[in-house]
Amino acid sequence: TATNIRAGGKTPVAGLIHALTIMIVMLLASKLVGYMAMPALAGLLI
């Protein structure tokens, strides 16, 4: 939410586009997402 505000989001449209963008990535680039390394995601969560 803070990232959205800092990026200039002012209405719920930003949140709707955020969800639609993730859906487009899932539909078109799921194989690319599969290359993400597990230690990289672990570092992100830490």
All heavy atoms as atom14 arrays in JSON, in Angstrom:
{
  "sequence": "TATNIRAGGKTPVAGLIHALTIMIVMLLASKLVGYMAMPALAGLLI",
  "atom14_mask": [
    [1, 1, 1, 1, 1, 1, 1, 0, 0, 0, 0, 0, 0, 0],
    [1, 1, 1, 1, 1, 0, 0, 0, 0, 0, 0, 0, 0, 0],
    [1, 1, 1, 1, 1, 1, 1, 0, 0, 0, 0, 0, 0, 0],
    [1, 1, 1, 1, 1, 1, 1, 1, 0, 0, 0, 0, 0, 0],
    [1, 1, 1, 1, 1, 1, 1, 1, 0, 0, 0, 0, 0, 0],
    [1, 1, 1, 1, 1, 1, 1, 1, 1, 1, 1, 0, 0, 0],
    [1, 1, 1, 1, 1, 0, 0, 0, 0, 0, 0, 0, 0, 0],
    [1, 1, 1, 1, 0, 0, 0, 0, 0, 0, 0, 0, 0, 0],
    [1, 1, 1, 1, 0, 0, 0, 0, 0, 0, 0, 0, 0, 0],
    [1, 1, 1, 1, 1, 1, 1, 1, 1, 0, 0, 0, 0, 0],
    [1, 1, 1, 1, 1, 1, 1, 0, 0, 0, 0, 0, 0, 0],
    [1, 1, 1, 1, 1, 1, 1, 0, 0, 0, 0, 0, 0, 0],
    [1, 1, 1, 1, 1, 1, 1, 0, 0, 0, 0, 0, 0, 0],
    [1, 1, 1, 1, 1, 0, 0, 0, 0, 0, 0, 0, 0, 0],
    [1, 1, 1, 1, 0, 0, 0, 0, 0, 0, 0, 0, 0, 0],
    [1, 1, 1, 1, 1, 1, 1, 1, 0, 0, 0, 0, 0, 0],
    [1, 1, 1, 1, 1, 1, 1, 1, 0, 0, 0, 0, 0, 0],
    [1, 1, 1, 1, 1, 1, 1, 1, 1, 1, 0, 0, 0, 0],
    [1, 1, 1, 1, 1, 0, 0, 0, 0, 0, 0, 0, 0, 0],
    [1, 1, 1, 1, 1, 1, 1, 1, 0, 0, 0, 0, 0, 0],
    [1, 1, 1, 1, 1, 1, 1, 0, 0, 0, 0, 0, 0, 0],
    [1, 1, 1, 1, 1, 1, 1, 1, 0, 0, 0, 0, 0, 0],
    [1, 1, 1, 1, 1, 1, 1, 1, 0, 0, 0, 0, 0, 0],
    [1, 1, 1, 1, 1, 1, 1, 1, 0, 0, 0, 0, 0, 0],
    [1, 1, 1, 1, 1, 1, 1, 0, 0, 0, 0, 0, 0, 0],
    [1, 1, 1, 1, 1, 1, 1, 1, 0, 0, 0, 0, 0, 0],
    [1, 1, 1, 1, 1, 1, 1, 1, 0, 0, 0, 0, 0, 0],
    [1, 1, 1, 1, 1, 1, 1, 1, 0, 0, 0, 0, 0, 0],
    [1, 1, 1, 1, 1, 0, 0, 0, 0, 0, 0, 0, 0, 0],
    [1, 1, 1, 1, 1, 1, 0, 0, 0, 0, 0, 0, 0, 0],
    [1, 1, 1, 1, 1, 1, 1, 1, 1, 0, 0, 0, 0, 0],
    [1, 1, 1, 1, 1, 1, 1, 1, 0, 0, 0, 0, 0, 0],
    [1, 1, 1, 1, 1, 1, 1, 0, 0, 0, 0, 0, 0, 0],
    [1, 1, 1, 1, 0, 0, 0, 0, 0, 0, 0, 0, 0, 0],
    [1, 1, 1, 1, 1, 1, 1, 1, 1, 1, 1, 1, 0, 0],
    [1, 1, 1, 1, 1, 1, 1, 1, 0, 0, 0, 0, 0, 0],
    [1, 1, 1, 1, 1, 0, 0, 0, 0, 0, 0, 0, 0, 0],
    [1, 1, 1, 1, 1, 1, 1, 1, 0, 0, 0, 0, 0, 0],
    [1, 1, 1, 1, 1, 1, 1, 0, 0, 0, 0, 0, 0, 0],
    [1, 1, 1, 1, 1, 0, 0, 0, 0, 0, 0, 0, 0, 0],
    [1, 1, 1, 1, 1, 1, 1, 1, 0, 0, 0, 0, 0, 0],
    [1, 1, 1, 1, 1, 0, 0, 0, 0, 0, 0, 0, 0, 0],
    [1, 1, 1, 1, 0, 0, 0, 0, 0, 0, 0, 0, 0, 0],
    [1, 1, 1, 1, 1, 1, 1, 1, 0, 0, 0, 0, 0, 0],
    [1, 1, 1, 1, 1, 1, 1, 1, 0, 0, 0, 0, 0, 0],
    [1, 1, 1, 1, 1, 1, 1, 1, 0, 0, 0, 0, 0, 0]
  ],
  "atom14_positions": [
    [[0.83, -1.21, 0.0], [0.0, 0.0, 0.0], [0.87, 1.26, 0.0], [0.62, 2.21, -0.75], [-0.93, 0.0, 1.23], [-1.8, -1.13, 1.16], [-1.77, 1.27, 1.28], [0.0, 0.0, 0.0], [0.0, 0.0, 0.0], [0.0, 0.0, 0.0], [0.0, 0.0, 0.0], [0.0, 0.0, 0.0], [0.0, 0.0, 0.0], [0.0, 0.0, 0.0]],
    [[1.92, 1.25, 0.83], [2.84, 2.39, 0.86], [3.55, 2.56, -0.48], [3.73, 3.69, -0.96], [3.86, 2.22, 1.99], [0.0, 0.0, 0.0], [0.0, 0.0, 0.0], [0.0, 0.0, 0.0], [0.0, 0.0, 0.0], [0.0, 0.0, 0.0], [0.0, 0.0, 0.0], [0.0, 0.0, 0.0], [0.0, 0.0, 0.0], [0.0, 0.0, 0.0]],
    [[3.92, 1.44, -1.11], [4.55, 1.5, -2.44], [3.6, 2.12, -3.46], [4.01, 2.93, -4.3], [4.97, 0.09, -2.9], [5.89, -0.46, -1.96], [5.61, 0.13, -4.27], [0.0, 0.0, 0.0], [0.0, 0.0, 0.0], [0.0, 0.0, 0.0], [0.0, 0.0, 0.0], [0.0, 0.0, 0.0], [0.0, 0.0, 0.0], [0.0, 0.0, 0.0]],
    [[2.34, 1.74, -3.39], [1.33, 2.28, -4.29], [1.22, 3.8, -4.15], [1.19, 4.54, -5.14], [-0.02, 1.62, -3.98], [-1.14, 2.14, -4.85], [-0.99, 2.4, -6.03], [-2.31, 2.33, -4.23], [0.0, 0.0, 0.0], [0.0, 0.0, 0.0], [0.0, 0.0, 0.0], [0.0, 0.0, 0.0], [0.0, 0.0, 0.0], [0.0, 0.0, 0.0]],
    [[1.19, 4.27, -2.91], [1.06, 5.72, -2.66], [2.28, 6.46, -3.18], [2.18, 7.49, -3.84], [0.84, 5.99, -1.16], [-0.5, 5.39, -0.71], [0.87, 7.48, -0.86], [-0.69, 5.35, 0.79], [0.0, 0.0, 0.0], [0.0, 0.0, 0.0], [0.0, 0.0, 0.0], [0.0, 0.0, 0.0], [0.0, 0.0, 0.0], [0.0, 0.0, 0.0]],
    [[3.47, 5.91, -2.87], [4.71, 6.57, -3.31], [4.84, 6.59, -4.83], [5.47, 7.47, -5.4], [5.92, 5.87, -2.69], [5.99, 6.0, -1.16], [7.32, 5.49, -0.63], [7.32, 5.43, 0.82], [7.31, 4.29, 1.52], [7.29, 3.13, 0.88], [7.31, 4.31, 2.83], [0.0, 0.0, 0.0], [0.0, 0.0, 0.0], [0.0, 0.0, 0.0]],
    [[4.22, 5.59, -5.49], [4.28, 5.53, -6.95], [3.22, 6.41, -7.62], [3.17, 6.48, -8.85], [4.12, 4.1, -7.43], [0.0, 0.0, 0.0], [0.0, 0.0, 0.0], [0.0, 0.0, 0.0], [0.0, 0.0, 0.0], [0.0, 0.0, 0.0], [0.0, 0.0, 0.0], [0.0, 0.0, 0.0], [0.0, 0.0, 0.0], [0.0, 0.0, 0.0]],
    [[2.38, 7.05, -6.81], [1.4, 7.98, -7.36], [-0.02, 7.46, -7.43], [-0.9, 8.13, -8.0], [0.0, 0.0, 0.0], [0.0, 0.0, 0.0], [0.0, 0.0, 0.0], [0.0, 0.0, 0.0], [0.0, 0.0, 0.0], [0.0, 0.0, 0.0], [0.0, 0.0, 0.0], [0.0, 0.0, 0.0], [0.0, 0.0, 0.0], [0.0, 0.0, 0.0]],
    [[-0.29, 6.29, -6.84], [-1.65, 5.75, -6.84], [-2.58, 6.6, -5.99], [-2.26, 6.94, -4.86], [0.0, 0.0, 0.0], [0.0, 0.0, 0.0], [0.0, 0.0, 0.0], [0.0, 0.0, 0.0], [0.0, 0.0, 0.0], [0.0, 0.0, 0.0], [0.0, 0.0, 0.0], [0.0, 0.0, 0.0], [0.0, 0.0, 0.0], [0.0, 0.0, 0.0]],
    [[-3.74, 6.94, -6.54], [-4.68, 7.81, -5.83], [-6.08, 7.24, -5.74], [-6.89, 7.7, -4.95], [-4.75, 9.19, -6.52], [-3.47, 10.01, -6.38], [-3.63, 11.38, -7.06], [-2.43, 12.27, -6.78], [-1.17, 11.71, -7.29], [0.0, 0.0, 0.0], [0.0, 0.0, 0.0], [0.0, 0.0, 0.0], [0.0, 0.0, 0.0], [0.0, 0.0, 0.0]],
    [[-6.39, 6.25, -6.57], [-7.73, 5.67, -6.59], [-7.63, 4.15, -6.59], [-6.54, 3.59, -6.82], [-8.52, 6.13, -7.84], [-7.98, 5.45, -8.99], [-8.43, 7.64, -8.05], [0.0, 0.0, 0.0], [0.0, 0.0, 0.0], [0.0, 0.0, 0.0], [0.0, 0.0, 0.0], [0.0, 0.0, 0.0], [0.0, 0.0, 0.0], [0.0, 0.0, 0.0]],
    [[-8.76, 3.44, -6.37], [-8.73, 1.97, -6.41], [-8.31, 1.39, -7.75], [-7.98, 0.2, -7.83], [-10.19, 1.6, -6.1], [-10.72, 2.75, -5.32], [-10.06, 3.96, -5.9], [0.0, 0.0, 0.0], [0.0, 0.0, 0.0], [0.0, 0.0, 0.0], [0.0, 0.0, 0.0], [0.0, 0.0, 0.0], [0.0, 0.0, 0.0], [0.0, 0.0, 0.0]],
    [[-8.29, 2.21, -8.8], [-7.87, 1.72, -10.13], [-6.46, 1.14, -10.07], [-6.16, 0.14, -10.72], [-7.96, 2.86, -11.16], [-7.32, 2.43, -12.49], [-9.41, 3.27, -11.38], [0.0, 0.0, 0.0], [0.0, 0.0, 0.0], [0.0, 0.0, 0.0], [0.0, 0.0, 0.0], [0.0, 0.0, 0.0], [0.0, 0.0, 0.0], [0.0, 0.0, 0.0]],
    [[-5.58, 1.75, -9.27], [-4.2, 1.25, -9.15], [-4.19, -0.18, -8.63], [-3.45, -1.03, -9.13], [-3.39, 2.17, -8.25], [0.0, 0.0, 0.0], [0.0, 0.0, 0.0], [0.0, 0.0, 0.0], [0.0, 0.0, 0.0], [0.0, 0.0, 0.0], [0.0, 0.0, 0.0], [0.0, 0.0, 0.0], [0.0, 0.0, 0.0], [0.0, 0.0, 0.0]],
    [[-5.02, -0.46, -7.63], [-5.08, -1.81, -7.08], [-5.65, -2.8, -8.07], [-5.19, -3.96, -8.14], [0.0, 0.0, 0.0], [0.0, 0.0, 0.0], [0.0, 0.0, 0.0], [0.0, 0.0, 0.0], [0.0, 0.0, 0.0], [0.0, 0.0, 0.0], [0.0, 0.0, 0.0], [0.0, 0.0, 0.0], [0.0, 0.0, 0.0], [0.0, 0.0, 0.0]],
    [[-6.64, -2.38, -8.85], [-7.22, -3.26, -9.86], [-6.18, -3.59, -10.94], [-6.06, -4.75, -11.37], [-8.44, -2.59, -10.5], [-9.6, -2.23, -9.55], [-10.7, -1.51, -10.31], [-10.14, -3.48, -8.86], [0.0, 0.0, 0.0], [0.0, 0.0, 0.0], [0.0, 0.0, 0.0], [0.0, 0.0, 0.0], [0.0, 0.0, 0.0], [0.0, 0.0, 0.0]],
    [[-5.42, -2.58, -11.35], [-4.39, -2.8, -12.38], [-3.27, -3.69, -11.82], [-2.71, -4.53, -12.54], [-3.85, -1.45, -12.88], [-4.94, -0.76, -13.71], [-2.57, -1.63, -13.71], [-4.57, 0.62, -14.2], [0.0, 0.0, 0.0], [0.0, 0.0, 0.0], [0.0, 0.0, 0.0], [0.0, 0.0, 0.0], [0.0, 0.0, 0.0], [0.0, 0.0, 0.0]],
    [[-2.95, -3.53, -10.54], [-1.95, -4.39, -9.9], [-2.36, -5.86, -10.02], [-1.55, -6.73, -10.39], [-1.77, -3.95, -8.44], [-1.72, -5.06, -7.43], [-2.87, -5.5, -6.79], [-0.7, -5.79, -6.94], [-2.55, -6.48, -5.96], [-1.26, -6.67, -6.02], [0.0, 0.0, 0.0], [0.0, 0.0, 0.0], [0.0, 0.0, 0.0], [0.0, 0.0, 0.0]],
    [[-3.63, -6.17, -9.74], [-4.11, -7.55, -9.82], [-4.11, -8.05, -11.27], [-3.7, -9.18, -11.55], [-5.51, -7.65, -9.22], [0.0, 0.0, 0.0], [0.0, 0.0, 0.0], [0.0, 0.0, 0.0], [0.0, 0.0, 0.0], [0.0, 0.0, 0.0], [0.0, 0.0, 0.0], [0.0, 0.0, 0.0], [0.0, 0.0, 0.0], [0.0, 0.0, 0.0]],
    [[-4.55, -7.2, -12.18], [-4.6, -7.59, -13.6], [-3.2, -7.81, -14.17], [-2.99, -8.69, -15.01], [-5.35, -6.52, -14.4], [-6.85, -6.39, -14.1], [-7.44, -5.2, -14.84], [-7.59, -7.68, -14.46], [0.0, 0.0, 0.0], [0.0, 0.0, 0.0], [0.0, 0.0, 0.0], [0.0, 0.0, 0.0], [0.0, 0.0, 0.0], [0.0, 0.0, 0.0]],
    [[-2.23, -7.0, -13.71], [-0.86, -7.15, -14.19], [-0.28, -8.5, -13.77], [0.37, -9.2, -14.56], [0.04, -6.02, -13.64], [-0.49, -4.76, -14.06], [1.46, -6.16, -14.13], [0.0, 0.0, 0.0], [0.0, 0.0, 0.0], [0.0, 0.0, 0.0], [0.0, 0.0, 0.0], [0.0, 0.0, 0.0], [0.0, 0.0, 0.0], [0.0, 0.0, 0.0]],
    [[-0.53, -8.89, -12.51], [-0.05, -10.2, -12.04], [-0.72, -11.31, -12.84], [-0.08, -12.32, -13.19], [-0.33, -10.36, -10.53], [0.5, -9.33, -9.74], [0.03, -11.77, -10.07], [0.22, -9.34, -8.25], [0.0, 0.0, 0.0], [0.0, 0.0, 0.0], [0.0, 0.0, 0.0], [0.0, 0.0, 0.0], [0.0, 0.0, 0.0], [0.0, 0.0, 0.0]],
    [[-2.0, -11.15, -13.18], [-2.7, -12.16, -13.96], [-2.08, -12.28, -15.37], [-1.91, -13.39, -15.89], [-4.19, -11.84, -14.07], [-4.98, -12.92, -14.79], [-6.76, -12.7, -14.73], [-6.93, -11.29, -15.83], [0.0, 0.0, 0.0], [0.0, 0.0, 0.0], [0.0, 0.0, 0.0], [0.0, 0.0, 0.0], [0.0, 0.0, 0.0], [0.0, 0.0, 0.0]],
    [[-1.74, -11.14, -15.96], [-1.12, -11.16, -17.29], [0.23, -11.88, -17.25], [0.56, -12.68, -18.13], [-0.96, -9.72, -17.82], [-2.34, -9.14, -18.15], [-0.07, -9.69, -19.06], [-2.33, -7.66, -18.45], [0.0, 0.0, 0.0], [0.0, 0.0, 0.0], [0.0, 0.0, 0.0], [0.0, 0.0, 0.0], [0.0, 0.0, 0.0], [0.0, 0.0, 0.0]],
    [[1.02, -11.61, -16.19], [2.31, -12.3, -16.03], [2.08, -13.8, -15.9], [2.79, -14.62, -16.49], [3.07, -11.75, -14.8], [4.3, -12.61, -14.52], [3.47, -10.3, -15.03], [0.0, 0.0, 0.0], [0.0, 0.0, 0.0], [0.0, 0.0, 0.0], [0.0, 0.0, 0.0], [0.0, 0.0, 0.0], [0.0, 0.0, 0.0], [0.0, 0.0, 0.0]],
    [[1.06, -14.17, -15.12], [0.75, -15.59, -14.92], [0.34, -16.26, -16.25], [0.75, -17.39, -16.55], [-0.38, -15.75, -13.9], [-0.73, -17.18, -13.54], [-2.07, -17.24, -12.34], [-2.07, -18.97, -11.9], [0.0, 0.0, 0.0], [0.0, 0.0, 0.0], [0.0, 0.0, 0.0], [0.0, 0.0, 0.0], [0.0, 0.0, 0.0], [0.0, 0.0, 0.0]],
    [[-0.42, -15.54, -17.05], [-0.91, -16.09, -18.31], [0.19, -16.2, -19.37], [0.23, -17.16, -20.14], [-2.06, -15.23, -18.86], [-3.35, -15.17, -18.02], [-4.34, -14.21, -18.66], [-3.96, -16.55, -17.86], [0.0, 0.0, 0.0], [0.0, 0.0, 0.0], [0.0, 0.0, 0.0], [0.0, 0.0, 0.0], [0.0, 0.0, 0.0], [0.0, 0.0, 0.0]],
    [[1.09, -15.21, -19.39], [2.05, -15.1, -20.49], [3.48, -15.47, -20.14], [4.28, -15.77, -21.03], [2.02, -13.67, -21.07], [0.68, -13.15, -21.59], [0.82, -11.73, -22.11], [0.12, -14.08, -22.67], [0.0, 0.0, 0.0], [0.0, 0.0, 0.0], [0.0, 0.0, 0.0], [0.0, 0.0, 0.0], [0.0, 0.0, 0.0], [0.0, 0.0, 0.0]],
    [[3.83, -15.4, -18.86], [5.26, -15.57, -18.5], [5.45, -16.5, -17.32], [6.4, -16.35, -16.55], [5.88, -14.2, -18.2], [0.0, 0.0, 0.0], [0.0, 0.0, 0.0], [0.0, 0.0, 0.0], [0.0, 0.0, 0.0], [0.0, 0.0, 0.0], [0.0, 0.0, 0.0], [0.0, 0.0, 0.0], [0.0, 0.0, 0.0], [0.0, 0.0, 0.0]],
    [[4.57, -17.47, -17.14], [4.69, -18.37, -15.98], [5.98, -19.19, -16.02], [6.57, -19.48, -14.99], [3.47, -19.3, -15.9], [3.38, -20.1, -17.07], [0.0, 0.0, 0.0], [0.0, 0.0, 0.0], [0.0, 0.0, 0.0], [0.0, 0.0, 0.0], [0.0, 0.0, 0.0], [0.0, 0.0, 0.0], [0.0, 0.0, 0.0], [0.0, 0.0, 0.0]],
    [[6.44, -19.56, -17.23], [7.69, -20.33, -17.33], [8.89, -19.49, -16.9], [9.81, -19.98, -16.24], [7.89, -20.83, -18.77], [6.98, -21.99, -19.13], [7.41, -22.64, -20.44], [6.56, -23.87, -20.71], [6.95, -24.54, -21.97], [0.0, 0.0, 0.0], [0.0, 0.0, 0.0], [0.0, 0.0, 0.0], [0.0, 0.0, 0.0], [0.0, 0.0, 0.0]],
    [[8.85, -18.21, -17.23], [9.93, -17.3, -16.83], [9.96, -17.15, -15.31], [11.03, -17.13, -14.69], [9.73, -15.94, -17.49], [10.94, -15.01, -17.58], [12.06, -15.65, -18.36], [10.53, -13.68, -18.2], [0.0, 0.0, 0.0], [0.0, 0.0, 0.0], [0.0, 0.0, 0.0], [0.0, 0.0, 0.0], [0.0, 0.0, 0.0], [0.0, 0.0, 0.0]],
    [[8.78, -17.05, -14.71], [8.68, -16.93, -13.25], [9.26, -18.17, -12.58], [9.85, -18.1, -11.49], [7.21, -16.71, -12.82], [7.07, -16.77, -11.31], [6.7, -15.37, -13.35], [0.0, 0.0, 0.0], [0.0, 0.0, 0.0], [0.0, 0.0, 0.0], [0.0, 0.0, 0.0], [0.0, 0.0, 0.0], [0.0, 0.0, 0.0], [0.0, 0.0, 0.0]],
    [[9.12, -19.32, -13.22], [9.63, -20.57, -12.65], [11.13, -20.6, -12.48], [11.66, -21.43, -11.72], [0.0, 0.0, 0.0], [0.0, 0.0, 0.0], [0.0, 0.0, 0.0], [0.0, 0.0, 0.0], [0.0, 0.0, 0.0], [0.0, 0.0, 0.0], [0.0, 0.0, 0.0], [0.0, 0.0, 0.0], [0.0, 0.0, 0.0], [0.0, 0.0, 0.0]],
    [[11.86, -19.71, -13.15], [13.32, -19.67, -13.02], [13.78, -18.96, -11.74], [14.97, -18.93, -11.45], [13.94, -18.95, -14.22], [13.95, -19.78, -15.49], [13.13, -19.47, -16.56], [14.79, -20.88, -15.6], [13.13, -20.24, -17.72], [14.81, -21.66, -16.76], [13.97, -21.32, -17.81], [13.98, -22.09, -18.95], [0.0, 0.0, 0.0], [0.0, 0.0, 0.0]],
    [[12.85, -18.35, -10.99], [13.25, -17.65, -9.76], [13.91, -18.63, -8.79], [13.39, -19.72, -8.53], [12.04, -17.0, -9.1], [11.53, -15.79, -9.82], [10.22, -14.93, -8.9], [9.92, -13.53, -9.98], [0.0, 0.0, 0.0], [0.0, 0.0, 0.0], [0.0, 0.0, 0.0], [0.0, 0.0, 0.0], [0.0, 0.0, 0.0], [0.0, 0.0, 0.0]],
    [[15.05, -18.23, -8.25], [15.84, -19.11, -7.37], [15.28, -19.11, -5.96], [14.9, -18.06, -5.43], [17.29, -18.67, -7.36], [0.0, 0.0, 0.0], [0.0, 0.0, 0.0], [0.0, 0.0, 0.0], [0.0, 0.0, 0.0], [0.0, 0.0, 0.0], [0.0, 0.0, 0.0], [0.0, 0.0, 0.0], [0.0, 0.0, 0.0], [0.0, 0.0, 0.0]],
    [[15.22, -20.28, -5.35], [14.69, -20.4, -3.99], [15.5, -19.61, -2.97], [14.92, -18.96, -2.09], [14.63, -21.89, -3.59], [13.68, -22.72, -4.44], [11.97, -22.15, -4.37], [11.61, -22.4, -2.64], [0.0, 0.0, 0.0], [0.0, 0.0, 0.0], [0.0, 0.0, 0.0], [0.0, 0.0, 0.0], [0.0, 0.0, 0.0], [0.0, 0.0, 0.0]],
    [[16.86, -19.6, -3.01], [17.6, -18.78, -2.05], [17.31, -17.28, -2.21], [17.34, -16.54, -1.23], [19.07, -19.09, -2.38], [19.04, -20.39, -3.08], [17.76, -20.41, -3.84], [0.0, 0.0, 0.0], [0.0, 0.0, 0.0], [0.0, 0.0, 0.0], [0.0, 0.0, 0.0], [0.0, 0.0, 0.0], [0.0, 0.0, 0.0], [0.0, 0.0, 0.0]],
    [[17.03, -16.85, -3.46], [16.7, -15.44, -3.69], [15.38, -15.08, -3.01], [15.26, -14.03, -2.36], [16.62, -15.16, -5.19], [0.0, 0.0, 0.0], [0.0, 0.0, 0.0], [0.0, 0.0, 0.0], [0.0, 0.0, 0.0], [0.0, 0.0, 0.0], [0.0, 0.0, 0.0], [0.0, 0.0, 0.0], [0.0, 0.0, 0.0], [0.0, 0.0, 0.0]],
    [[14.38, -15.97, -3.13], [13.1, -15.73, -2.47], [13.24, -15.81, -0.95], [12.58, -15.07, -0.22], [12.06, -16.75, -2.97], [11.66, -16.61, -4.44], [10.7, -17.74, -4.83], [11.03, -15.26, -4.73], [0.0, 0.0, 0.0], [0.0, 0.0, 0.0], [0.0, 0.0, 0.0], [0.0, 0.0, 0.0], [0.0, 0.0, 0.0], [0.0, 0.0, 0.0]],
    [[14.12, -16.7, -0.48], [14.36, -16.79, 0.96], [14.98, -15.5, 1.49], [14.57, -14.98, 2.54], [15.28, -17.98, 1.27], [0.0, 0.0, 0.0], [0.0, 0.0, 0.0], [0.0, 0.0, 0.0], [0.0, 0.0, 0.0], [0.0, 0.0, 0.0], [0.0, 0.0, 0.0], [0.0, 0.0, 0.0], [0.0, 0.0, 0.0], [0.0, 0.0, 0.0]],
    [[15.96, -14.97, 0.76], [16.57, -13.7, 1.16], [15.55, -12.58, 1.17], [15.55, -11.73, 2.07], [0.0, 0.0, 0.0], [0.0, 0.0, 0.0], [0.0, 0.0, 0.0], [0.0, 0.0, 0.0], [0.0, 0.0, 0.0], [0.0, 0.0, 0.0], [0.0, 0.0, 0.0], [0.0, 0.0, 0.0], [0.0, 0.0, 0.0], [0.0, 0.0, 0.0]],
    [[14.66, -12.56, 0.17], [13.6, -11.56, 0.12], [12.71, -11.64, 1.35], [12.38, -10.61, 1.96], [12.78, -11.79, -1.16], [11.39, -11.13, -1.25], [11.51, -9.62, -1.19], [10.68, -11.57, -2.52], [0.0, 0.0, 0.0], [0.0, 0.0, 0.0], [0.0, 0.0, 0.0], [0.0, 0.0, 0.0], [0.0, 0.0, 0.0], [0.0, 0.0, 0.0]],
    [[12.32, -12.85, 1.75], [11.44, -13.0, 2.91], [12.14, -12.66, 4.22], [11.52, -12.12, 5.13], [10.89, -14.43, 2.98], [9.56, -14.68, 2.26], [9.06, -16.09, 2.57], [8.51, -13.67, 2.65], [0.0, 0.0, 0.0], [0.0, 0.0, 0.0], [0.0, 0.0, 0.0], [0.0, 0.0, 0.0], [0.0, 0.0, 0.0], [0.0, 0.0, 0.0]],
    [[13.42, -12.96, 4.31], [14.15, -12.61, 5.54], [14.21, -11.09, 5.7], [14.02, -10.55, 6.8], [15.56, -13.23, 5.52], [15.46, -14.74, 5.73], [16.46, -12.61, 6.59], [16.76, -15.49, 5.55], [0.0, 0.0, 0.0], [0.0, 0.0, 0.0], [0.0, 0.0, 0.0], [0.0, 0.0, 0.0], [0.0, 0.0, 0.0], [0.0, 0.0, 0.0]]
  ]
}
